[in-house]
Amino acid sequence: MSEIEEAAEATPKLGYKAYLWHFDAPVIGAAVLDGIAGFGQGIAGFGLGDGSIGLRDLAMPDKPVTERRRPHANGLLSFVTAPDGRGFISGGDDGKLVYTALDAEPRLLAERPRKWIEQIAVAPEGGLIAFGAAKEAGLVDLRGKVNASLSDHPSTVAGLAFNPKGKRLAVAHYGGVTLWWAKDGAQTPKRLTWSGSHVALSWSPNGRFIMTATQENELHGWRTDDFADMRMSGYPAKPRSLSWSADGKWLASSGAESVICWHCAGKGPMGSMPLEMNRGHLVMAVAFHPKLNIVASGDAEGGLTLGRISDERSIPLEKISRAPIACLNWSRDGRWLAIGCEDGAAALIDFES
C-alpha cells in the first residue's frame, strides 16, 4: 500500500524527545511493546481507521517510513496489546477479532459476520481476550479457542474489563454492569444496576472498584467488597476515557477542561472533591504512568500535557495536531508514550532522560 506519512520530526526538549509524523488514516488506538526478545528496544503499534496497523521500531523512532500490516479489510474499531505482550489484538467492522504478532501474519481469532467488534479487553495473567459483538461478550485465547459466549445482556456491549487476576469479566451496557466468571458453562451473572447508558468501563488494578462513565456526563462505580455504589457527577461532557494509577488509589477521567482525578482510597471517592489537573482545553484521553503518580492527557486541540499528583503541577509538552487526541498509551517501563489523533497525526515521546 502507498505510504504518505510525513517524515518523522525529532524534537529535543528538556527531559524528553518527541517524534511526530502523520498517517493517512485516523488513529484508533496506540500501544507500545517494550523489552521483547528479538525485537531490540521494542515496537510501537498504531491501529488505524483504514484497517491497518502502523509499526514503528523504538530503536529508530525517527525513521520516516512506518511498516504497515493489514488485519482488517475495512475499518479497524478497537486496538489493544495482546495478553502475551508480543503483538496486538484488533477488532473491525468486518466482524473479525485478529491477533497480529510481530513475527507472523495476522491470525483470525473469532468472527461475527455483520457485527462490529468495538470493545476488547485482555487478561495478561490468564491469557484471555474478551470482545463485544452486539449483545454478546465472547472469550477466546490466543489460539482462537472459544472459552465462553456470554450473551445475557439487555443491550449492546459498551465496555469490557477483567479483574486483576483475569478470573472475572465486567460487561457494561444500558442499565449497568453484568459480572461473569471468565469460564465456560452455565452460570448466573451478578447484576450491578444503575439506570442510563454506560459508555466506558474500568476495573481498578487493586480489584477494589468497578467504574463506568455514563451518557449522563457522570461516573458511576461499585466497591467490590460490598457492591455499594457511588456516583460522581458534574462533568460538562461525557467522560469516555478512564485510567488508574498503578496503586489503584487514583482514577483519572476525561470529560472536562481539566483531568478530573478521584481519590479512591478508603471507601471510595463519592462525597470528596477531586483534583483538577492539566487544565486547558477539553480533555479527550488520559493515561496514568505505569509506575509513578503522573497522568498524561490529550485535549480536543491536539495538546499533550503531564500532571503530577503529589504537588498538582502540570506541564504542557507538545502540540501534536490541531485535531483531538484520540488515544494515549505508556510502555510498561514508563519510558515511552504513544499518542494518536483523529486526523492521523501520531507521536512517540521518549522520557529516557
Protein backbone atom coordinates (compact mmCIF):
# COMPACT_ATOMS: atom_id res chain seq x y z
CA MET A 1 0.00 0.00 0.00
CA SER A 2 1.14 3.57 -0.51
CA GLU A 3 2.75 5.31 2.43
CA ILE A 4 2.09 9.02 2.63
CA GLU A 5 3.43 9.74 6.08
CA GLU A 6 5.33 12.92 6.65
CA ALA A 7 8.96 12.46 7.69
CA ALA A 8 9.27 11.98 11.43
CA GLU A 9 10.38 15.05 13.31
CA ALA A 10 12.61 14.59 16.36
CA THR A 11 12.10 17.47 18.78
CA PRO A 12 14.61 17.55 21.65
CA LYS A 13 13.22 19.06 24.86
CA LEU A 14 14.34 19.25 28.44
CA GLY A 15 13.86 15.71 29.79
CA TYR A 16 12.33 14.14 26.67
CA LYS A 17 12.37 13.82 22.89
CA ALA A 18 9.26 13.98 20.72
CA TYR A 19 8.93 12.20 17.36
CA LEU A 20 5.99 13.48 15.31
CA TRP A 21 4.56 12.26 11.99
CA HIS A 22 1.25 11.79 10.20
CA PHE A 23 -0.64 8.71 8.99
CA ASP A 24 -3.11 8.72 6.10
CA ALA A 25 -5.95 7.47 8.35
CA PRO A 26 -7.31 8.30 11.83
CA VAL A 27 -5.52 6.68 14.77
CA ILE A 28 -7.95 4.48 16.73
CA GLY A 29 -5.53 3.09 19.33
CA ALA A 30 -1.85 3.07 20.25
CA ALA A 31 0.27 0.61 22.23
CA VAL A 32 3.95 0.05 22.99
CA LEU A 33 5.62 -3.36 23.21
CA ASP A 34 8.92 -2.91 25.08
CA GLY A 35 11.57 -5.39 26.16
CA ILE A 36 10.68 -8.07 23.58
CA ALA A 37 13.31 -10.71 22.86
CA GLY A 38 14.41 -10.47 19.24
CA PHE A 39 12.95 -7.02 18.65
CA GLY A 40 15.56 -4.70 20.12
CA GLN A 41 14.14 -1.91 22.25
CA GLY A 42 10.59 -2.72 21.23
CA ILE A 43 7.85 -1.71 18.82
CA ALA A 44 5.09 0.91 18.95
CA GLY A 45 1.85 -0.02 17.20
CA PHE A 46 -0.87 2.31 15.93
CA GLY A 47 -4.27 0.90 14.98
CA LEU A 48 -5.64 2.92 12.05
CA GLY A 49 -9.13 3.57 10.80
CA ASP A 50 -8.40 2.10 7.35
CA GLY A 51 -7.97 -1.39 8.86
CA SER A 52 -4.18 -1.37 9.04
CA ILE A 53 -1.59 -1.22 11.85
CA GLY A 54 1.43 1.06 11.67
CA LEU A 55 4.57 -0.28 13.39
CA ARG A 56 7.50 1.91 14.44
CA ASP A 57 10.77 0.50 15.80
CA LEU A 58 11.73 2.12 19.11
CA ALA A 59 15.39 1.72 18.16
CA MET A 60 14.76 4.03 15.19
CA PRO A 61 11.82 6.23 16.21
CA ASP A 62 12.79 8.93 13.71
CA LYS A 63 12.64 6.56 10.73
CA PRO A 64 10.32 8.36 8.26
CA VAL A 65 8.51 5.26 6.90
CA THR A 66 6.42 3.03 9.13
CA GLU A 67 5.89 -0.69 8.44
CA ARG A 68 2.21 -1.47 7.86
CA ARG A 69 0.19 -4.63 8.50
CA ARG A 70 -3.45 -5.07 7.43
CA PRO A 71 -5.54 -7.29 9.74
CA HIS A 72 -8.87 -5.84 8.51
CA ALA A 73 -10.21 -5.18 5.02
CA ASN A 74 -12.14 -2.10 6.07
CA GLY A 75 -12.39 -0.16 9.33
CA LEU A 76 -10.41 -1.03 12.46
CA LEU A 77 -12.53 -0.15 15.51
CA SER A 78 -10.57 -1.36 18.55
CA PHE A 79 -6.89 -1.96 19.30
CA VAL A 80 -5.02 -3.24 22.39
CA THR A 81 -1.83 -5.05 23.36
CA ALA A 82 -2.12 -8.84 23.18
CA PRO A 83 -2.04 -10.68 26.52
CA ASP A 84 1.34 -12.25 25.67
CA GLY A 85 2.89 -8.82 25.06
CA ARG A 86 4.21 -9.90 21.65
CA GLY A 87 1.61 -8.38 19.36
CA PHE A 88 -1.73 -6.63 19.10
CA ILE A 89 -5.41 -7.55 19.19
CA SER A 90 -7.78 -5.64 16.94
CA GLY A 91 -11.48 -5.66 16.13
CA GLY A 92 -13.12 -4.35 12.99
CA ASP A 93 -16.35 -3.51 11.20
CA ASP A 94 -15.78 -6.76 9.28
CA GLY A 95 -16.79 -8.66 12.43
CA LYS A 96 -13.29 -10.07 12.90
CA LEU A 97 -11.10 -10.30 16.00
CA VAL A 98 -7.48 -10.60 14.88
CA TYR A 99 -4.11 -11.25 16.57
CA THR A 100 -1.21 -9.53 14.83
CA ALA A 101 2.09 -10.86 16.22
CA LEU A 102 5.31 -9.10 15.30
CA ASP A 103 6.83 -12.26 13.80
CA ALA A 104 3.83 -13.73 11.97
CA GLU A 105 0.94 -12.90 9.66
CA PRO A 106 -2.31 -11.66 11.26
CA ARG A 107 -4.33 -14.58 12.67
CA LEU A 108 -8.12 -14.67 12.94
CA LEU A 109 -9.28 -15.47 16.49
CA ALA A 110 -13.05 -15.04 16.15
CA GLU A 111 -15.58 -13.83 13.60
CA ARG A 112 -19.10 -12.49 13.97
CA PRO A 113 -20.43 -11.71 10.46
CA ARG A 114 -22.41 -8.47 10.06
CA LYS A 115 -21.45 -7.28 13.55
CA TRP A 116 -18.92 -4.71 14.69
CA ILE A 117 -16.22 -5.52 17.25
CA GLU A 118 -15.71 -2.20 19.03
CA GLN A 119 -14.83 -3.42 22.54
CA ILE A 120 -11.84 -5.55 23.57
CA ALA A 121 -10.26 -6.36 26.95
CA VAL A 122 -7.32 -8.65 27.69
CA ALA A 123 -6.23 -10.54 30.80
CA PRO A 124 -2.42 -10.92 30.75
CA GLU A 125 -2.43 -13.25 33.77
CA GLY A 126 -4.98 -15.65 32.34
CA GLY A 127 -4.21 -15.11 28.67
CA LEU A 128 -7.85 -14.49 27.74
CA ILE A 129 -9.32 -11.95 25.33
CA ALA A 130 -12.85 -10.62 25.70
CA PHE A 131 -14.64 -8.96 22.80
CA GLY A 132 -18.05 -7.39 22.34
CA ALA A 133 -20.25 -8.14 19.33
CA ALA A 134 -23.76 -6.69 19.66
CA LYS A 135 -25.16 -8.15 22.92
CA GLU A 136 -22.54 -10.91 23.16
CA ALA A 137 -19.30 -10.86 25.14
CA GLY A 138 -17.06 -13.56 23.72
CA LEU A 139 -14.00 -15.08 25.40
CA VAL A 140 -11.13 -16.64 23.43
CA ASP A 141 -7.42 -17.33 23.89
CA LEU A 142 -4.55 -16.53 21.52
CA ARG A 143 -5.09 -19.78 19.62
CA GLY A 144 -8.68 -18.79 18.94
CA LYS A 145 -10.07 -21.44 21.26
CA VAL A 146 -13.53 -20.41 22.42
CA ASN A 147 -13.69 -20.14 26.19
CA ALA A 148 -17.22 -18.78 26.55
CA SER A 149 -20.02 -16.87 24.82
CA LEU A 150 -21.89 -14.63 27.25
CA SER A 151 -24.98 -13.01 25.78
CA ASP A 152 -27.42 -12.33 28.62
CA HIS A 153 -27.22 -8.53 28.30
CA PRO A 154 -30.07 -6.06 27.78
CA SER A 155 -28.26 -4.04 25.10
CA THR A 156 -25.09 -3.79 23.03
CA VAL A 157 -21.86 -4.32 24.96
CA ALA A 158 -20.41 -0.84 25.61
CA GLY A 159 -17.39 -1.72 27.74
CA LEU A 160 -15.36 -4.70 28.96
CA ALA A 161 -12.90 -5.10 31.84
CA PHE A 162 -11.24 -8.04 33.60
CA ASN A 163 -10.43 -8.05 37.29
CA PRO A 164 -6.66 -8.01 38.02
CA LYS A 165 -6.36 -11.82 38.08
CA GLY A 166 -8.37 -12.30 34.91
CA LYS A 167 -10.91 -14.51 36.68
CA ARG A 168 -13.97 -12.26 36.33
CA LEU A 169 -15.26 -10.15 33.46
CA ALA A 170 -17.33 -6.98 33.80
CA VAL A 171 -19.60 -6.02 30.91
CA ALA A 172 -21.09 -2.51 30.65
CA HIS A 173 -24.40 -1.94 28.86
CA TYR A 174 -27.60 0.05 29.21
CA GLY A 175 -28.79 -0.13 32.80
CA GLY A 176 -25.49 -1.00 34.48
CA VAL A 177 -22.86 -3.73 34.55
CA THR A 178 -23.01 -7.52 34.47
CA LEU A 179 -20.31 -9.61 36.17
CA TRP A 180 -19.38 -13.05 34.84
CA TRP A 181 -16.82 -15.67 35.77
CA ALA A 182 -14.34 -15.96 32.92
CA LYS A 183 -15.14 -19.59 32.13
CA ASP A 184 -17.43 -21.73 30.03
CA GLY A 185 -20.54 -23.46 31.32
CA ALA A 186 -23.82 -22.40 32.86
CA GLN A 187 -23.63 -19.61 35.43
CA THR A 188 -25.82 -16.94 36.95
CA PRO A 189 -24.29 -13.50 36.47
CA LYS A 190 -24.28 -10.75 39.07
CA ARG A 191 -26.08 -7.54 38.06
CA LEU A 192 -24.87 -4.11 39.13
CA THR A 193 -27.81 -1.90 38.29
CA TRP A 194 -27.87 1.81 37.58
CA SER A 195 -30.20 3.46 35.08
CA GLY A 196 -28.84 5.07 31.94
CA SER A 197 -26.31 4.24 29.27
CA HIS A 198 -22.83 3.21 30.44
CA VAL A 199 -20.30 4.03 27.72
CA ALA A 200 -16.91 3.15 29.27
CA LEU A 201 -15.74 0.71 31.92
CA SER A 202 -12.64 0.13 34.07
CA TRP A 203 -11.69 -2.20 36.95
CA SER A 204 -9.11 -0.84 39.39
CA PRO A 205 -5.70 -2.60 39.46
CA ASN A 206 -6.16 -3.42 43.15
CA GLY A 207 -9.53 -5.01 42.37
CA ARG A 208 -11.48 -2.78 44.77
CA PHE A 209 -13.59 -0.69 42.37
CA ILE A 210 -15.53 -1.07 39.13
CA MET A 211 -16.13 2.30 37.47
CA THR A 212 -18.19 3.32 34.46
CA ALA A 213 -18.64 6.54 32.52
CA THR A 214 -22.23 7.31 31.53
CA GLN A 215 -24.09 9.10 28.79
CA GLU A 216 -25.40 11.42 31.50
CA ASN A 217 -21.99 13.13 31.97
CA GLU A 218 -21.07 11.38 35.20
CA LEU A 219 -19.17 8.41 36.61
CA HIS A 220 -20.79 5.55 38.47
CA GLY A 221 -18.96 2.95 40.50
CA TRP A 222 -19.22 -0.04 42.81
CA ARG A 223 -16.98 -1.28 45.64
CA THR A 224 -16.31 -4.96 45.08
CA ASP A 225 -16.18 -5.90 48.78
CA ASP A 226 -19.83 -5.00 49.42
CA PHE A 227 -21.02 -3.74 45.98
CA ALA A 228 -22.13 -0.42 47.45
CA ASP A 229 -22.48 2.02 44.57
CA MET A 230 -21.36 5.61 44.17
CA ARG A 231 -22.00 8.48 41.80
CA MET A 232 -19.64 11.28 40.70
CA SER A 233 -21.39 13.96 38.65
CA GLY A 234 -20.81 17.48 37.35
CA TYR A 235 -18.90 16.77 34.14
CA PRO A 236 -19.60 19.24 31.31
CA ALA A 237 -19.05 16.50 28.69
CA LYS A 238 -19.12 12.70 28.52
CA PRO A 239 -16.09 11.21 30.38
CA ARG A 240 -15.17 8.49 27.90
CA SER A 241 -11.54 7.90 28.95
CA LEU A 242 -10.61 6.39 32.35
CA SER A 243 -7.18 5.49 33.75
CA TRP A 244 -5.98 4.22 37.14
CA SER A 245 -2.76 4.95 38.96
CA ALA A 246 -0.62 1.84 39.44
CA ASP A 247 -1.63 1.51 43.10
CA GLY A 248 -5.32 1.92 42.33
CA LYS A 249 -5.68 4.94 44.62
CA TRP A 250 -6.38 7.50 41.88
CA LEU A 251 -8.77 7.41 38.93
CA ALA A 252 -8.22 9.94 36.14
CA SER A 253 -11.04 10.80 33.76
CA SER A 254 -11.71 12.94 30.70
CA GLY A 255 -14.85 14.97 30.06
CA ALA A 256 -13.84 18.43 31.37
CA GLU A 257 -11.36 21.19 30.61
CA SER A 258 -9.01 19.51 33.08
CA VAL A 259 -8.23 15.94 34.09
CA ILE A 260 -10.58 15.00 36.92
CA CYS A 261 -8.71 12.77 39.39
CA TRP A 262 -10.72 10.98 42.07
CA HIS A 263 -9.08 9.67 45.24
CA CYS A 264 -10.15 6.03 45.56
CA ALA A 265 -8.52 5.09 48.87
CA GLY A 266 -10.72 4.02 51.77
CA LYS A 267 -14.39 3.61 50.91
CA GLY A 268 -14.15 5.46 47.64
CA PRO A 269 -14.41 8.90 46.09
CA MET A 270 -18.10 9.77 46.48
CA GLY A 271 -18.56 12.84 48.64
CA SER A 272 -14.98 14.02 48.18
CA MET A 273 -13.61 16.77 45.94
CA PRO A 274 -11.44 15.59 43.03
CA LEU A 275 -8.13 17.07 41.95
CA GLU A 276 -8.27 19.01 38.68
CA MET A 277 -5.06 18.52 36.72
CA ASN A 278 -3.76 19.66 33.31
CA ARG A 279 -6.25 22.50 32.96
CA GLY A 280 -6.82 23.91 29.46
CA HIS A 281 -8.93 22.61 26.58
CA LEU A 282 -11.48 19.80 26.78
CA VAL A 283 -9.64 16.59 27.76
CA MET A 284 -10.23 13.68 25.37
CA ALA A 285 -7.82 10.97 26.60
CA VAL A 286 -5.99 10.21 29.86
CA ALA A 287 -3.27 7.71 30.80
CA PHE A 288 -1.53 7.25 34.15
CA HIS A 289 2.18 6.41 34.13
CA PRO A 290 2.65 2.67 34.91
CA LYS A 291 4.88 3.35 37.94
CA LEU A 292 4.58 7.00 39.00
CA ASN A 293 1.60 9.11 40.03
CA ILE A 294 1.90 11.15 36.85
CA VAL A 295 -1.00 11.44 34.40
CA ALA A 296 -0.74 12.28 30.70
CA SER A 297 -3.68 13.88 28.93
CA GLY A 298 -4.55 14.80 25.37
CA ASP A 299 -7.08 17.50 24.57
CA ALA A 300 -9.51 18.49 21.84
CA GLU A 301 -7.00 20.92 20.33
CA GLY A 302 -4.22 18.33 19.92
CA GLY A 303 -2.27 19.35 23.02
CA LEU A 304 -0.37 16.93 25.27
CA THR A 305 0.13 17.67 28.99
CA LEU A 306 1.66 15.90 32.02
CA GLY A 307 0.42 16.36 35.57
CA ARG A 308 1.94 15.22 38.87
CA ILE A 309 -0.43 14.26 41.67
CA SER A 310 1.95 14.99 44.57
CA ASP A 311 2.11 18.76 44.00
CA GLU A 312 -0.73 19.16 41.45
CA ARG A 313 1.75 20.62 38.97
CA SER A 314 1.01 20.40 35.23
CA ILE A 315 3.46 20.85 32.34
CA PRO A 316 2.39 21.31 28.68
CA LEU A 317 4.57 19.07 26.49
CA GLU A 318 3.72 19.16 22.80
CA LYS A 319 1.16 20.29 20.26
CA ILE A 320 0.66 17.02 18.38
CA SER A 321 -2.01 18.25 15.98
CA ARG A 322 -4.89 20.68 15.54
CA ALA A 323 -7.28 17.72 15.78
CA PRO A 324 -8.38 16.00 19.02
CA ILE A 325 -6.04 13.46 20.57
CA ALA A 326 -7.83 10.10 20.40
CA CYS A 327 -5.55 7.79 22.40
CA LEU A 328 -2.59 7.66 24.77
CA ASN A 329 -0.64 4.64 25.99
CA TRP A 330 2.57 4.18 28.01
CA SER A 331 5.15 1.45 27.60
CA ARG A 332 5.32 -0.96 30.53
CA ASP A 333 8.58 0.57 31.78
CA GLY A 334 7.22 4.11 31.54
CA ARG A 335 9.89 5.35 29.14
CA TRP A 336 7.72 5.77 26.04
CA LEU A 337 4.34 7.42 25.49
CA ALA A 338 2.46 6.72 22.24
CA ILE A 339 -0.12 9.24 21.02
CA GLY A 340 -2.65 9.18 18.18
CA CYS A 341 -5.04 11.83 16.84
CA GLU A 342 -8.33 11.79 14.97
CA ASP A 343 -6.71 13.27 11.84
CA GLY A 344 -3.93 10.66 11.66
CA ALA A 345 -1.27 12.66 13.50
CA ALA A 346 0.86 10.44 15.74
CA ALA A 347 3.76 10.79 18.12
CA LEU A 348 6.22 8.95 20.32
CA ILE A 349 7.60 10.70 23.39
CA ASP A 350 10.86 9.32 24.80
CA PHE A 351 11.40 10.08 28.51
CA GLU A 352 14.70 8.20 28.80
CA SER A 353 16.49 11.16 30.41
